PDB file of N, CA and C in Angstrom:
ATOM      1  N   MET A   1       0.838  -1.174   0.000  1.00  0.00           N
ATOM      2  CA  MET A   1       0.000   0.000   0.000  1.00  0.00           C
ATOM      3  C   MET A   1       0.889   1.245   0.000  1.00  0.00           C
ATOM      4  N   ARG A   2       0.501   2.237  -0.776  1.00  0.00           N
ATOM      5  CA  ARG A   2       1.259   3.481  -0.868  1.00  0.00           C
ATOM      6  C   ARG A   2       0.401   4.632  -0.345  1.00  0.00           C
ATOM      7  N   ILE A   3       0.866   5.307   0.685  1.00  0.00           N
ATOM      8  CA  ILE A   3       0.156   6.446   1.263  1.00  0.00           C
ATOM      9  C   ILE A   3       0.767   7.715   0.685  1.00  0.00           C
ATOM     10  N   THR A   4      -0.058   8.559   0.098  1.00  0.00           N
ATOM     11  CA  THR A   4       0.460   9.773  -0.521  1.00  0.00           C
ATOM     12  C   THR A   4      -0.113  11.051   0.081  1.00  0.00           C
ATOM     13  N   SER A   5      -1.161  10.943   0.889  1.00  0.00           N
ATOM     14  CA  SER A   5      -1.734  12.144   1.482  1.00  0.00           C
ATOM     15  C   SER A   5      -2.298  11.834   2.858  1.00  0.00           C
ATOM     16  N   SER A   6      -2.476  12.894   3.619  1.00  0.00           N
ATOM     17  CA  SER A   6      -3.015  12.758   4.964  1.00  0.00           C
ATOM     18  C   SER A   6      -3.710  14.061   5.344  1.00  0.00           C
ATOM     19  N   TYR A   7      -4.066  14.187   6.607  1.00  0.00           N
ATOM     20  CA  TYR A   7      -4.753  15.371   7.099  1.00  0.00           C
ATOM     21  C   TYR A   7      -4.107  15.849   8.391  1.00  0.00           C
ATOM     22  N   ILE A   8      -4.169  17.147   8.597  1.00  0.00           N
ATOM     23  CA  ILE A   8      -3.835  17.768   9.873  1.00  0.00           C
ATOM     24  C   ILE A   8      -5.142  18.364  10.379  1.00  0.00           C
ATOM     25  N   SER A   9      -5.445  18.147  11.634  1.00  0.00           N
ATOM     26  CA  SER A   9      -6.672  18.689  12.210  1.00  0.00           C
ATOM     27  C   SER A   9      -6.377  19.538  13.429  1.00  0.00           C
ATOM     28  N   LEU A  10      -7.059  20.658  13.516  1.00  0.00           N
ATOM     29  CA  LEU A  10      -7.130  21.434  14.745  1.00  0.00           C
ATOM     30  C   LEU A  10      -8.554  21.225  15.237  1.00  0.00           C
ATOM     31  N   LYS A  11      -8.723  20.657  16.404  1.00  0.00           N
ATOM     32  CA  LYS A  11     -10.059  20.314  16.889  1.00  0.00           C
ATOM     33  C   LYS A  11     -10.445  21.175  18.079  1.00  0.00           C
ATOM     34  N   GLU A  12     -11.585  21.850  17.911  1.00  0.00           N
ATOM     35  CA  GLU A  12     -12.181  22.662  18.959  1.00  0.00           C
ATOM     36  C   GLU A  12     -11.179  23.592  19.633  1.00  0.00           C
ATOM     37  N   VAL A  13     -10.470  24.349  18.817  1.00  0.00           N
ATOM     38  CA  VAL A  13      -9.544  25.357  19.319  1.00  0.00           C
ATOM     39  C   VAL A  13     -10.374  26.573  19.728  1.00  0.00           C
ATOM     40  N   ARG A  14     -10.166  27.046  20.949  1.00  0.00           N
ATOM     41  CA  ARG A  14     -10.992  28.132  21.493  1.00  0.00           C
ATOM     42  C   ARG A  14     -10.344  29.493  21.244  1.00  0.00           C
ATOM     43  N   PHE A  15     -11.170  30.411  20.709  1.00  0.00           N
ATOM     44  CA  PHE A  15     -10.752  31.788  20.484  1.00  0.00           C
ATOM     45  C   PHE A  15     -11.799  32.720  21.080  1.00  0.00           C
ATOM     46  N   HIS A  16     -11.367  33.772  21.734  1.00  0.00           N
ATOM     47  CA  HIS A  16     -12.283  34.833  22.140  1.00  0.00           C
ATOM     48  C   HIS A  16     -12.242  35.861  21.027  1.00  0.00           C
ATOM     49  N   ALA A  17     -13.391  36.130  20.428  1.00  0.00           N
ATOM     50  CA  ALA A  17     -13.432  37.019  19.268  1.00  0.00           C
ATOM     51  C   ALA A  17     -14.696  37.873  19.316  1.00  0.00           C
ATOM     52  N   PHE A  18     -14.757  38.836  18.430  1.00  0.00           N
ATOM     53  CA  PHE A  18     -15.812  39.847  18.456  1.00  0.00           C
ATOM     54  C   PHE A  18     -16.649  39.794  17.186  1.00  0.00           C
ATOM     55  N   HIS A  19     -17.381  38.691  17.025  1.00  0.00           N
ATOM     56  CA  HIS A  19     -18.233  38.479  15.857  1.00  0.00           C
ATOM     57  C   HIS A  19     -19.689  38.581  16.276  1.00  0.00           C
ATOM     58  N   GLY A  20     -20.521  39.046  15.369  1.00  0.00           N
ATOM     59  CA  GLY A  20     -21.949  39.078  15.622  1.00  0.00           C
ATOM     60  C   GLY A  20     -22.607  40.265  14.959  1.00  0.00           C
ATOM     61  N   VAL A  21     -23.906  40.171  14.814  1.00  0.00           N
ATOM     62  CA  VAL A  21     -24.686  41.225  14.185  1.00  0.00           C
ATOM     63  C   VAL A  21     -24.982  42.339  15.187  1.00  0.00           C
ATOM     64  N   LEU A  22     -25.253  41.976  16.423  1.00  0.00           N
ATOM     65  CA  LEU A  22     -25.618  42.964  17.437  1.00  0.00           C
ATOM     66  C   LEU A  22     -24.394  43.708  17.950  1.00  0.00           C
ATOM     67  N   PRO A  23     -24.552  44.997  18.230  1.00  0.00           N
ATOM     68  CA  PRO A  23     -23.426  45.784  18.737  1.00  0.00           C
ATOM     69  C   PRO A  23     -22.791  45.187  20.001  1.00  0.00           C
ATOM     70  N   GLN A  24     -23.608  44.647  20.884  1.00  0.00           N
ATOM     71  CA  GLN A  24     -23.075  44.063  22.126  1.00  0.00           C
ATOM     72  C   GLN A  24     -22.160  42.871  21.833  1.00  0.00           C
ATOM     73  N   GLU A  25     -22.521  42.058  20.860  1.00  0.00           N
ATOM     74  CA  GLU A  25     -21.689  40.914  20.489  1.00  0.00           C
ATOM     75  C   GLU A  25     -20.312  41.383  20.020  1.00  0.00           C
ATOM     76  N   ARG A  26     -20.291  42.479  19.327  1.00  0.00           N
ATOM     77  CA  ARG A  26     -19.032  42.987  18.774  1.00  0.00           C
ATOM     78  C   ARG A  26     -18.221  43.762  19.812  1.00  0.00           C
ATOM     79  N   GLN A  27     -18.876  44.196  20.902  1.00  0.00           N
ATOM     80  CA  GLN A  27     -18.161  44.896  21.973  1.00  0.00           C
ATOM     81  C   GLN A  27     -17.636  43.930  23.024  1.00  0.00           C
ATOM     82  N   VAL A  28     -18.489  43.026  23.486  1.00  0.00           N
ATOM     83  CA  VAL A  28     -18.139  42.098  24.564  1.00  0.00           C
ATOM     84  C   VAL A  28     -17.391  40.886  24.021  1.00  0.00           C
ATOM     85  N   GLY A  29     -17.793  40.442  22.862  1.00  0.00           N
ATOM     86  CA  GLY A  29     -17.180  39.257  22.270  1.00  0.00           C
ATOM     87  C   GLY A  29     -17.727  37.978  22.873  1.00  0.00           C
ATOM     88  N   GLY A  30     -17.198  36.892  22.423  1.00  0.00           N
ATOM     89  CA  GLY A  30     -17.610  35.579  22.903  1.00  0.00           C
ATOM     90  C   GLY A  30     -16.540  34.558  22.566  1.00  0.00           C
ATOM     91  N   ASP A  31     -16.709  33.375  23.152  1.00  0.00           N
ATOM     92  CA  ASP A  31     -15.775  32.286  22.876  1.00  0.00           C
ATOM     93  C   ASP A  31     -16.308  31.451  21.718  1.00  0.00           C
ATOM     94  N   PHE A  32     -15.424  31.113  20.807  1.00  0.00           N
ATOM     95  CA  PHE A  32     -15.770  30.327  19.628  1.00  0.00           C
ATOM     96  C   PHE A  32     -14.837  29.124  19.551  1.00  0.00           C
ATOM     97  N   LEU A  33     -15.406  27.970  19.223  1.00  0.00           N
ATOM     98  CA  LEU A  33     -14.616  26.763  19.011  1.00  0.00           C
ATOM     99  C   LEU A  33     -14.485  26.541  17.508  1.00  0.00           C
ATOM    100  N   VAL A  34     -13.255  26.370  17.059  1.00  0.00           N
ATOM    101  CA  VAL A  34     -12.988  26.208  15.633  1.00  0.00           C
ATOM    102  C   VAL A  34     -12.338  24.847  15.395  1.00  0.00           C
ATOM    103  N   THR A  35     -12.867  24.109  14.441  1.00  0.00           N
ATOM    104  CA  THR A  35     -12.276  22.854  14.012  1.00  0.00           C
ATOM    105  C   THR A  35     -11.939  22.971  12.530  1.00  0.00           C
ATOM    106  N   VAL A  36     -10.700  22.639  12.192  1.00  0.00           N
ATOM    107  CA  VAL A  36     -10.235  22.719  10.807  1.00  0.00           C
ATOM    108  C   VAL A  36      -9.538  21.412  10.465  1.00  0.00           C
ATOM    109  N   ARG A  37      -9.837  20.887   9.284  1.00  0.00           N
ATOM    110  CA  ARG A  37      -9.179  19.665   8.792  1.00  0.00           C
ATOM    111  C   ARG A  37      -8.631  19.969   7.405  1.00  0.00           C
ATOM    112  N   VAL A  38      -7.314  19.826   7.249  1.00  0.00           N
ATOM    113  CA  VAL A  38      -6.652  20.193   5.997  1.00  0.00           C
ATOM    114  C   VAL A  38      -5.905  18.992   5.434  1.00  0.00           C
ATOM    115  N   GLY A  39      -6.194  18.662   4.192  1.00  0.00           N
ATOM    116  CA  GLY A  39      -5.472  17.592   3.518  1.00  0.00           C
ATOM    117  C   GLY A  39      -4.177  18.114   2.924  1.00  0.00           C
ATOM    118  N   TYR A  40      -3.173  17.265   2.888  1.00  0.00           N
ATOM    119  CA  TYR A  40      -1.891  17.664   2.311  1.00  0.00           C
ATOM    120  C   TYR A  40      -1.124  16.426   1.855  1.00  0.00           C
ATOM    121  N   PRO A  41      -0.228  16.597   0.887  1.00  0.00           N
ATOM    122  CA  PRO A  41       0.593  15.467   0.440  1.00  0.00           C
ATOM    123  C   PRO A  41       1.711  15.215   1.454  1.00  0.00           C
ATOM    124  N   LEU A  42       1.850  13.985   1.890  1.00  0.00           N
ATOM    125  CA  LEU A  42       2.876  13.693   2.897  1.00  0.00           C
ATOM    126  C   LEU A  42       3.996  12.813   2.378  1.00  0.00           C
ATOM    127  N   GLU A  43       3.909  12.416   1.133  1.00  0.00           N
ATOM    128  CA  GLU A  43       4.896  11.487   0.581  1.00  0.00           C
ATOM    129  C   GLU A  43       6.328  12.026   0.685  1.00  0.00           C
ATOM    130  N   ARG A  44       6.535  13.282   0.352  1.00  0.00           N
ATOM    131  CA  ARG A  44       7.891  13.848   0.412  1.00  0.00           C
ATOM    132  C   ARG A  44       8.415  13.854   1.852  1.00  0.00           C
ATOM    133  N   ALA A  45       7.593  14.244   2.811  1.00  0.00           N
ATOM    134  CA  ALA A  45       8.017  14.246   4.218  1.00  0.00           C
ATOM    135  C   ALA A  45       8.358  12.844   4.694  1.00  0.00           C
ATOM    136  N   MET A  46       7.641  11.858   4.195  1.00  0.00           N
ATOM    137  CA  MET A  46       7.931  10.466   4.570  1.00  0.00           C
ATOM    138  C   MET A  46       9.311  10.051   4.064  1.00  0.00           C
ATOM    139  N   GLU A  47       9.711  10.596   2.924  1.00  0.00           N
ATOM    140  CA  GLU A  47      11.000  10.234   2.335  1.00  0.00           C
ATOM    141  C   GLU A  47      12.166  11.029   2.925  1.00  0.00           C
ATOM    142  N   THR A  48      11.947  12.335   3.181  1.00  0.00           N
ATOM    143  CA  THR A  48      13.061  13.205   3.545  1.00  0.00           C
ATOM    144  C   THR A  48      13.279  13.378   5.041  1.00  0.00           C
ATOM    145  N   ASP A  49      12.237  13.256   5.835  1.00  0.00           N
ATOM    146  CA  ASP A  49      12.297  13.505   7.273  1.00  0.00           C
ATOM    147  C   ASP A  49      12.636  14.968   7.585  1.00  0.00           C
ATOM    148  N   HIS A  50      12.260  15.890   6.667  1.00  0.00           N
ATOM    149  CA  HIS A  50      12.485  17.318   6.869  1.00  0.00           C
ATOM    150  C   HIS A  50      11.170  17.989   7.248  1.00  0.00           C
ATOM    151  N   VAL A  51      11.214  18.821   8.264  1.00  0.00           N
ATOM    152  CA  VAL A  51      10.016  19.531   8.717  1.00  0.00           C
ATOM    153  C   VAL A  51       9.436  20.410   7.610  1.00  0.00           C
ATOM    154  N   GLY A  52      10.289  20.977   6.782  1.00  0.00           N
ATOM    155  CA  GLY A  52       9.828  21.844   5.704  1.00  0.00           C
ATOM    156  C   GLY A  52       9.011  21.134   4.639  1.00  0.00           C
ATOM    157  N   ASP A  53       9.015  19.816   4.646  1.00  0.00           N
ATOM    158  CA  ASP A  53       8.272  19.045   3.649  1.00  0.00           C
ATOM    159  C   ASP A  53       6.904  18.590   4.145  1.00  0.00           C
ATOM    160  N   THR A  54       6.483  19.089   5.289  1.00  0.00           N
ATOM    161  CA  THR A  54       5.190  18.702   5.825  1.00  0.00           C
ATOM    162  C   THR A  54       4.347  19.951   6.092  1.00  0.00           C
ATOM    163  N   LEU A  55       3.140  19.767   6.540  1.00  0.00           N
ATOM    164  CA  LEU A  55       2.263  20.880   6.879  1.00  0.00           C
ATOM    165  C   LEU A  55       2.533  21.291   8.323  1.00  0.00           C
ATOM    166  N   ASP A  56       2.858  22.522   8.527  1.00  0.00           N
ATOM    167  CA  ASP A  56       3.187  23.051   9.849  1.00  0.00           C
ATOM    168  C   ASP A  56       1.897  23.404  10.579  1.00  0.00           C
ATOM    169  N   TYR A  57       1.521  22.604  11.561  1.00  0.00           N
ATOM    170  CA  TYR A  57       0.250  22.849  12.245  1.00  0.00           C
ATOM    171  C   TYR A  57       0.291  24.126  13.077  1.00  0.00           C
ATOM    172  N   SER A  58       1.473  24.579  13.510  1.00  0.00           N
ATOM    173  CA  SER A  58       1.536  25.844  14.243  1.00  0.00           C
ATOM    174  C   SER A  58       1.266  27.018  13.299  1.00  0.00           C
ATOM    175  N   ALA A  59       1.684  26.914  12.053  1.00  0.00           N
ATOM    176  CA  ALA A  59       1.378  27.945  11.053  1.00  0.00           C
ATOM    177  C   ALA A  59      -0.119  27.929  10.730  1.00  0.00           C
ATOM    178  N   LEU A  60      -0.712  26.748  10.682  1.00  0.00           N
ATOM    179  CA  LEU A  60      -2.151  26.633  10.460  1.00  0.00           C
ATOM    180  C   LEU A  60      -2.908  27.293  11.602  1.00  0.00           C
ATOM    181  N   TYR A  61      -2.481  27.034  12.829  1.00  0.00           N
ATOM    182  CA  TYR A  61      -3.107  27.652  13.995  1.00  0.00           C
ATOM    183  C   TYR A  61      -2.999  29.174  13.904  1.00  0.00           C
ATOM    184  N   ALA A  62      -1.825  29.696  13.582  1.00  0.00           N
ATOM    185  CA  ALA A  62      -1.614  31.144  13.488  1.00  0.00           C
ATOM    186  C   ALA A  62      -2.507  31.763  12.416  1.00  0.00           C
ATOM    187  N   LEU A  63      -2.682  31.056  11.313  1.00  0.00           N
ATOM    188  CA  LEU A  63      -3.542  31.527  10.236  1.00  0.00           C
ATOM    189  C   LEU A  63      -4.989  31.651  10.722  1.00  0.00           C
ATOM    190  N   VAL A  64      -5.475  30.622  11.408  1.00  0.00           N
ATOM    191  CA  VAL A  64      -6.850  30.636  11.929  1.00  0.00           C
ATOM    192  C   VAL A  64      -6.990  31.734  12.990  1.00  0.00           C
ATOM    193  N   GLU A  65      -6.012  31.835  13.864  1.00  0.00           N
ATOM    194  CA  GLU A  65      -6.037  32.850  14.924  1.00  0.00           C
ATOM    195  C   GLU A  65      -6.141  34.261  14.333  1.00  0.00           C
ATOM    196  N   LYS A  66      -5.377  34.537  13.291  1.00  0.00           N
ATOM    197  CA  LYS A  66      -5.397  35.847  12.652  1.00  0.00           C
ATOM    198  C   LYS A  66      -6.769  36.156  12.064  1.00  0.00           C
ATOM    199  N   ARG A  67      -7.376  35.175  11.387  1.00  0.00           N
ATOM    200  CA  ARG A  67      -8.693  35.402  10.768  1.00  0.00           C
ATOM    201  C   ARG A  67      -9.781  35.539  11.833  1.00  0.00           C
ATOM    202  N   MET A  68      -9.650  34.820  12.923  1.00  0.00           N
ATOM    203  CA  MET A  68     -10.639  34.943  14.010  1.00  0.00           C
ATOM    204  C   MET A  68     -10.549  36.309  14.688  1.00  0.00           C
ATOM    205  N   ALA A  69      -9.398  36.937  14.658  1.00  0.00           N
ATOM    206  CA  ALA A  69      -9.211  38.242  15.291  1.00  0.00           C
ATOM    207  C   ALA A  69      -9.840  39.377  14.486  1.00  0.00           C
ATOM    208  N   GLU A  70     -10.187  39.111  13.229  1.00  0.00           N
ATOM    209  CA  GLU A  70     -10.828  40.117  12.376  1.00  0.00           C
ATOM    210  C   GLU A  70     -12.338  40.038  12.593  1.00  0.00           C
ATOM    211  N   SER A  71     -12.912  41.061  13.193  1.00  0.00           N
ATOM    212  CA  SER A  71     -14.336  41.073  13.525  1.00  0.00           C
ATOM    213  C   SER A  71     -15.211  40.987  12.279  1.00  0.00           C
ATOM    214  N   SER A  72     -16.281  40.197  12.387  1.00  0.00           N
ATOM    215  CA  SER A  72     -17.263  40.057  11.304  1.00  0.00           C
ATOM    216  C   SER A  72     -18.656  39.929  11.893  1.00  0.00           C
ATOM    217  N   LYS A  73     -19.640  40.295  11.110  1.00  0.00           N
ATOM    218  CA  LYS A  73     -21.019  40.096  11.544  1.00  0.00           C
ATOM    219  C   LYS A  73     -21.411  38.630  11.447  1.00  0.00           C
ATOM    220  N   LEU A  74     -20.966  37.953  10.392  1.00  0.00           N
ATOM    221  CA  LEU A  74     -21.388  36.579  10.137  1.00  0.00           C
ATOM    222  C   LEU A  74     -20.234  35.595  10.292  1.00  0.00           C
ATOM    223  N   LEU A  75     -20.512  34.473  10.950  1.00  0.00           N
ATOM    224  CA  LEU A  75     -19.501  33.426  11.087  1.00  0.00           C
ATOM    225  C   LEU A  75     -19.161  32.811   9.735  1.00  0.00           C
ATOM    226  N   GLU A  76     -20.120  32.819   8.822  1.00  0.00           N
ATOM    227  CA  GLU A  76     -19.857  32.321   7.479  1.00  0.00           C
ATOM    228  C   GLU A  76     -18.761  33.140   6.799  1.00  0.00           C
ATOM    229  N   HIS A  77     -18.751  34.421   7.082  1.00  0.00           N
ATOM    230  CA  HIS A  77     -17.728  35.304   6.521  1.00  0.00           C
ATOM    231  C   HIS A  77     -16.355  34.957   7.102  1.00  0.00           C
ATOM    232  N   VAL A  78     -16.315  34.704   8.395  1.00  0.00           N
ATOM    233  CA  VAL A  78     -15.061  34.298   9.050  1.00  0.00           C
ATOM    234  C   VAL A  78     -14.575  32.977   8.461  1.00  0.00           C
ATOM    235  N   ALA A  79     -15.479  32.017   8.342  1.00  0.00           N
ATOM    236  CA  ALA A  79     -15.117  30.703   7.786  1.00  0.00           C
ATOM    237  C   ALA A  79     -14.587  30.852   6.364  1.00  0.00           C
ATOM    238  N   GLY A  80     -15.204  31.707   5.579  1.00  0.00           N
ATOM    239  CA  GLY A  80     -14.748  31.937   4.215  1.00  0.00           C
ATOM    240  C   GLY A  80     -13.345  32.519   4.175  1.00  0.00           C
ATOM    241  N   ARG A  81     -13.039  33.436   5.083  1.00  0.00           N
ATOM    242  CA  ARG A  81     -11.687  34.008   5.150  1.00  0.00           C
ATOM    243  C   ARG A  81     -10.661  32.944   5.510  1.00  0.00           C
ATOM    244  N   ILE A  82     -11.031  32.063   6.431  1.00  0.00           N
ATOM    245  CA  ILE A  82     -10.118  30.994   6.841  1.00  0.00           C
ATOM    246  C   ILE A  82      -9.840  30.070   5.660  1.00  0.00           C
ATOM    247  N   VAL A  83     -10.888  29.652   4.963  1.00  0.00           N
ATOM    248  CA  VAL A  83     -10.727  28.762   3.813  1.00  0.00           C
ATOM    249  C   VAL A  83      -9.865  29.421   2.734  1.00  0.00           C
ATOM    250  N   LYS A  84     -10.133  30.694   2.426  1.00  0.00           N
ATOM    251  CA  LYS A  84      -9.348  31.393   1.410  1.00  0.00           C
ATOM    252  C   LYS A  84      -7.875  31.486   1.802  1.00  0.00           C
ATOM    253  N   ALA A  85      -7.612  31.688   3.091  1.00  0.00           N
ATOM    254  CA  ALA A  85      -6.223  31.805   3.550  1.00  0.00           C
ATOM    255  C   ALA A  85      -5.494  30.473   3.470  1.00  0.00           C
ATOM    256  N   ILE A  86      -6.219  29.383   3.644  1.00  0.00           N
ATOM    257  CA  ILE A  86      -5.596  28.048   3.605  1.00  0.00           C
ATOM    258  C   ILE A  86      -5.304  27.640   2.169  1.00  0.00           C
ATOM    259  N   THR A  87      -6.211  27.958   1.248  1.00  0.00           N
ATOM    260  CA  THR A  87      -6.047  27.516  -0.142  1.00  0.00           C
ATOM    261  C   THR A  87      -5.182  28.402  -0.972  1.00  0.00           C
TER     262      THR A  87
END
């Protein structure tokens, strides 16, 4: 069997952010749990044993953290920003 791809997951990572339609939601903020699953090719990392050949989950976390820090009215908008940043 030949494995050529895998996934990295961030599961229920908690962020305090200021999303919502109501002014109070955007002032007080709330806690949000974010789960992200990203597919990536792992064949090269399996061969080389170099960190640069794999998906850096700390960079993925930082990417999600940055997008969560940008206030939005709709969570769908936040999710769209996260997806665009990953792809």
